[in-house]
Amino acid sequence: MATFGPYAGTKFALEAVSDALRRELGPLGVRVVVVEPGGIRTEMGERGIATTRRLAEAMSAQQRDRYGPLVQAVMALTAAGTAGGRSAEDAARVIAKAVTAAKPRTRYTIGPDAALLTQLARILPDRMLDRVIAAGLRPYRCENRCRVKRQRARQWRHLVRAGGLAVRSQARRSPGAGLPWRRRPHHPGTQGMRPDV
């Protein structure tokens, strides 16, 4: 699983443990702070890309066909985030501020990307946040979708040749033909019908 999942899982676990420690040890005078960095220019990104590349090379042809574009997009995002990230010195300054503050906040972010994602996670519904984050994977999504369409077209041509099926033009069918229709709920500026799917 050479994508962000394992790394994100470890960070979510660390955040949960930190929250629990803060609540449990607060009465004893122990202050626990979470520091959430965005892209930081360190060797970690390069090591991650090298590991991902090694895992990608070990994929079977079927795995590469299915997951290759996603892995490429993840490596590109990692490289861009590292190259455009904050320096390790900037991160150290935020950590020093958190450690020496008389009344530290429960969370500190490092870099504008971390601050933005933290704010978006608080105000956006999950599905919308998914779209925002997935926007960085558009090359993968487009390539994957186009490949699926090509595969379906090949399968259809094979069925036509093998079974002698007659191909009718889909252009003559109206959009959504055969779908059950219902009225949209009334909203100002909306009219007409939509498929009930």
Protein backbone atom coordinates (compact mmCIF):
# COMPACT_ATOMS: atom_id res chain seq x y z
CA MET A 1 0.00 0.00 0.00
CA ALA A 2 2.42 2.62 -1.23
CA THR A 3 0.21 5.66 -0.75
CA PHE A 4 -0.65 8.09 2.06
CA GLY A 5 -2.82 5.62 4.01
CA PRO A 6 -0.20 4.01 6.30
CA TYR A 7 1.46 7.36 7.08
CA ALA A 8 -1.89 9.04 7.75
CA GLY A 9 -2.90 6.12 9.98
CA THR A 10 0.16 6.54 12.19
CA LYS A 11 -0.48 10.29 12.50
CA PHE A 12 -4.15 9.83 13.40
CA ALA A 13 -3.10 7.31 16.05
CA LEU A 14 -0.52 9.74 17.45
CA GLU A 15 -3.11 12.52 17.57
CA ALA A 16 -5.60 10.27 19.39
CA VAL A 17 -3.00 9.22 21.96
CA SER A 18 -1.97 12.86 22.45
CA ASP A 19 -5.59 13.93 23.02
CA ALA A 20 -6.06 11.14 25.56
CA LEU A 21 -2.82 12.02 27.39
CA ARG A 22 -3.76 15.71 27.49
CA ARG A 23 -7.10 14.93 29.12
CA GLU A 24 -5.79 12.29 31.50
CA LEU A 25 -2.57 14.00 32.59
CA GLY A 26 -3.84 17.59 32.60
CA PRO A 27 -4.93 17.38 36.25
CA LEU A 28 -1.37 16.32 37.13
CA GLY A 29 0.10 19.42 35.50
CA VAL A 30 1.39 17.67 32.36
CA ARG A 31 0.61 19.66 29.21
CA VAL A 32 0.41 17.76 25.95
CA VAL A 33 0.59 19.65 22.65
CA VAL A 34 0.06 18.37 19.09
CA VAL A 35 2.23 19.90 16.35
CA GLU A 36 0.82 19.32 12.87
CA PRO A 37 3.35 20.08 10.13
CA GLY A 38 2.55 20.44 6.47
CA GLY A 39 5.26 20.00 3.85
CA ILE A 40 8.74 20.27 5.39
CA ARG A 41 11.94 20.21 3.36
CA THR A 42 13.64 17.15 4.83
CA GLU A 43 15.02 13.88 3.51
CA MET A 44 11.88 12.04 4.58
CA GLY A 45 10.05 12.89 1.35
CA GLU A 46 12.91 11.62 -0.79
CA ARG A 47 13.13 8.41 1.23
CA GLY A 48 9.37 7.94 0.91
CA ILE A 49 9.48 8.44 -2.84
CA ALA A 50 12.36 5.96 -3.16
CA THR A 51 10.46 3.36 -1.13
CA THR A 52 7.28 3.94 -3.14
CA ARG A 53 9.20 3.62 -6.40
CA ARG A 54 10.74 0.35 -5.21
CA LEU A 55 7.31 -1.03 -4.26
CA ALA A 56 5.84 0.12 -7.58
CA GLU A 57 8.55 -1.71 -9.50
CA ALA A 58 7.66 -4.92 -7.64
CA MET A 59 4.00 -4.73 -8.70
CA SER A 60 2.55 -7.28 -11.05
CA ALA A 61 1.38 -6.12 -14.47
CA GLN A 62 -2.24 -6.20 -13.30
CA GLN A 63 -1.42 -4.19 -10.16
CA ARG A 64 0.58 -1.69 -12.20
CA ASP A 65 -2.30 -1.31 -14.65
CA ARG A 66 -4.76 -0.67 -11.82
CA TYR A 67 -2.68 1.30 -9.30
CA GLY A 68 0.27 2.64 -11.28
CA PRO A 69 -1.21 6.08 -12.08
CA LEU A 70 -2.30 6.53 -8.44
CA VAL A 71 1.18 5.71 -7.17
CA GLN A 72 2.71 8.14 -9.69
CA ALA A 73 0.32 10.88 -8.54
CA VAL A 74 1.17 10.25 -4.88
CA MET A 75 4.91 10.45 -5.62
CA ALA A 76 4.38 13.71 -7.53
CA LEU A 77 2.36 15.18 -4.64
CA THR A 78 5.02 14.14 -2.13
CA ALA A 79 7.79 15.69 -4.21
CA ALA A 80 5.86 18.94 -4.70
CA GLY A 81 4.94 19.15 -1.01
CA THR A 82 8.53 18.63 0.06
CA ALA A 83 10.02 21.04 -2.47
CA GLY A 84 7.50 23.79 -1.65
CA GLY A 85 7.46 23.13 2.10
CA ARG A 86 8.86 25.01 5.07
CA SER A 87 12.41 24.56 6.26
CA ALA A 88 13.29 22.38 9.25
CA GLU A 89 14.34 25.58 11.06
CA ASP A 90 10.80 27.00 10.66
CA ALA A 91 9.41 23.79 12.15
CA ALA A 92 11.87 23.97 15.05
CA ARG A 93 10.78 27.53 15.83
CA VAL A 94 7.12 26.49 16.10
CA ILE A 95 8.04 23.54 18.32
CA ALA A 96 10.18 25.78 20.56
CA LYS A 97 7.28 28.23 20.85
CA ALA A 98 4.92 25.40 21.87
CA VAL A 99 7.37 24.08 24.46
CA THR A 100 8.14 27.45 26.05
CA ALA A 101 4.64 29.01 26.01
CA ALA A 102 3.18 29.72 29.44
CA LYS A 103 -0.25 28.64 28.20
CA PRO A 104 0.32 26.54 25.06
CA ARG A 105 -2.48 25.85 22.62
CA THR A 106 -3.54 22.25 22.21
CA ARG A 107 -2.52 22.30 18.53
CA TYR A 108 0.03 24.14 16.40
CA THR A 109 0.34 23.94 12.64
CA ILE A 110 3.50 24.45 10.59
CA GLY A 111 3.07 25.94 7.13
CA PRO A 112 0.09 27.32 5.24
CA ASP A 113 -0.92 23.94 3.80
CA ALA A 114 -1.34 22.39 7.26
CA ALA A 115 -3.23 25.45 8.52
CA LEU A 116 -5.56 25.41 5.50
CA LEU A 117 -6.34 21.69 5.70
CA THR A 118 -6.98 21.93 9.44
CA GLN A 119 -9.47 24.74 8.90
CA LEU A 120 -11.14 23.03 5.94
CA ALA A 121 -11.57 19.82 7.96
CA ARG A 122 -13.51 21.80 10.57
CA ILE A 123 -15.90 23.56 8.21
CA LEU A 124 -16.39 21.33 5.15
CA PRO A 125 -18.52 18.19 4.97
CA ASP A 126 -16.47 15.01 4.49
CA ARG A 127 -17.50 14.51 0.85
CA MET A 128 -16.51 18.04 -0.10
CA LEU A 129 -13.19 17.72 1.70
CA ASP A 130 -12.63 14.45 -0.19
CA ARG A 131 -13.09 16.34 -3.47
CA VAL A 132 -10.68 19.07 -2.41
CA ILE A 133 -7.96 16.58 -1.49
CA ALA A 134 -8.64 14.34 -4.50
CA ALA A 135 -8.15 17.33 -6.81
CA GLY A 136 -4.42 16.71 -6.47
CA LEU A 137 -4.96 13.25 -7.95
CA ARG A 138 -6.80 14.47 -11.05
CA PRO A 139 -4.14 13.19 -13.46
CA TYR A 140 -4.59 9.73 -11.93
CA ARG A 141 -8.39 9.95 -12.02
CA CYS A 142 -8.45 11.12 -15.63
CA GLU A 143 -5.96 8.54 -16.80
CA ASN A 144 -7.71 5.76 -14.91
CA ARG A 145 -11.17 6.77 -16.19
CA CYS A 146 -9.90 6.99 -19.79
CA ARG A 147 -8.26 3.58 -19.48
CA VAL A 148 -11.50 2.04 -18.17
CA LYS A 149 -13.43 3.55 -21.09
CA ARG A 150 -10.90 2.13 -23.56
CA GLN A 151 -11.14 -1.31 -21.92
CA ARG A 152 -14.95 -1.25 -22.12
CA ALA A 153 -14.83 -0.20 -25.77
CA ARG A 154 -12.46 -3.11 -26.54
CA GLN A 155 -14.72 -5.55 -24.68
CA TRP A 156 -17.77 -4.28 -26.57
CA ARG A 157 -16.03 -4.60 -29.95
CA HIS A 158 -14.96 -8.14 -29.03
CA LEU A 159 -18.55 -9.08 -28.11
CA VAL A 160 -19.85 -7.61 -31.35
CA ARG A 161 -17.34 -9.55 -33.45
CA ALA A 162 -17.76 -12.80 -31.49
CA GLY A 163 -21.54 -12.82 -31.35
CA GLY A 164 -22.44 -10.99 -34.55
CA LEU A 165 -24.46 -8.46 -32.52
CA ALA A 166 -25.91 -5.46 -34.29
CA VAL A 167 -24.67 -2.20 -32.85
CA ARG A 168 -27.29 0.51 -32.63
CA SER A 169 -26.22 4.11 -32.43
CA GLN A 170 -26.40 5.41 -28.89
CA ALA A 171 -26.63 8.94 -30.23
CA ARG A 172 -30.30 8.41 -31.12
CA ARG A 173 -31.21 7.71 -27.52
CA SER A 174 -32.13 10.70 -25.44
CA PRO A 175 -30.00 11.30 -22.35
CA GLY A 176 -31.27 9.22 -19.46
CA ALA A 177 -33.67 7.22 -21.65
CA GLY A 178 -35.25 4.41 -19.74
CA LEU A 179 -34.56 6.00 -16.35
CA PRO A 180 -37.40 6.71 -13.94
CA TRP A 181 -37.98 10.43 -13.68
CA ARG A 182 -39.27 12.56 -10.86
CA ARG A 183 -39.64 16.23 -10.19
CA ARG A 184 -36.85 18.08 -8.44
CA PRO A 185 -37.70 19.64 -5.11
CA HIS A 186 -38.63 23.25 -5.75
CA HIS A 187 -35.74 25.64 -5.27
CA PRO A 188 -35.59 29.17 -6.61
CA GLY A 189 -34.05 29.12 -10.05
CA THR A 190 -34.42 25.37 -10.62
CA GLN A 191 -36.91 23.84 -13.01
CA GLY A 192 -37.42 20.65 -14.86
CA MET A 193 -36.84 17.02 -14.14
CA ARG A 194 -33.91 14.83 -13.18
CA PRO A 195 -33.24 11.08 -13.19
CA ASP A 196 -34.24 9.32 -9.98
CA VAL A 197 -30.88 7.66 -9.41
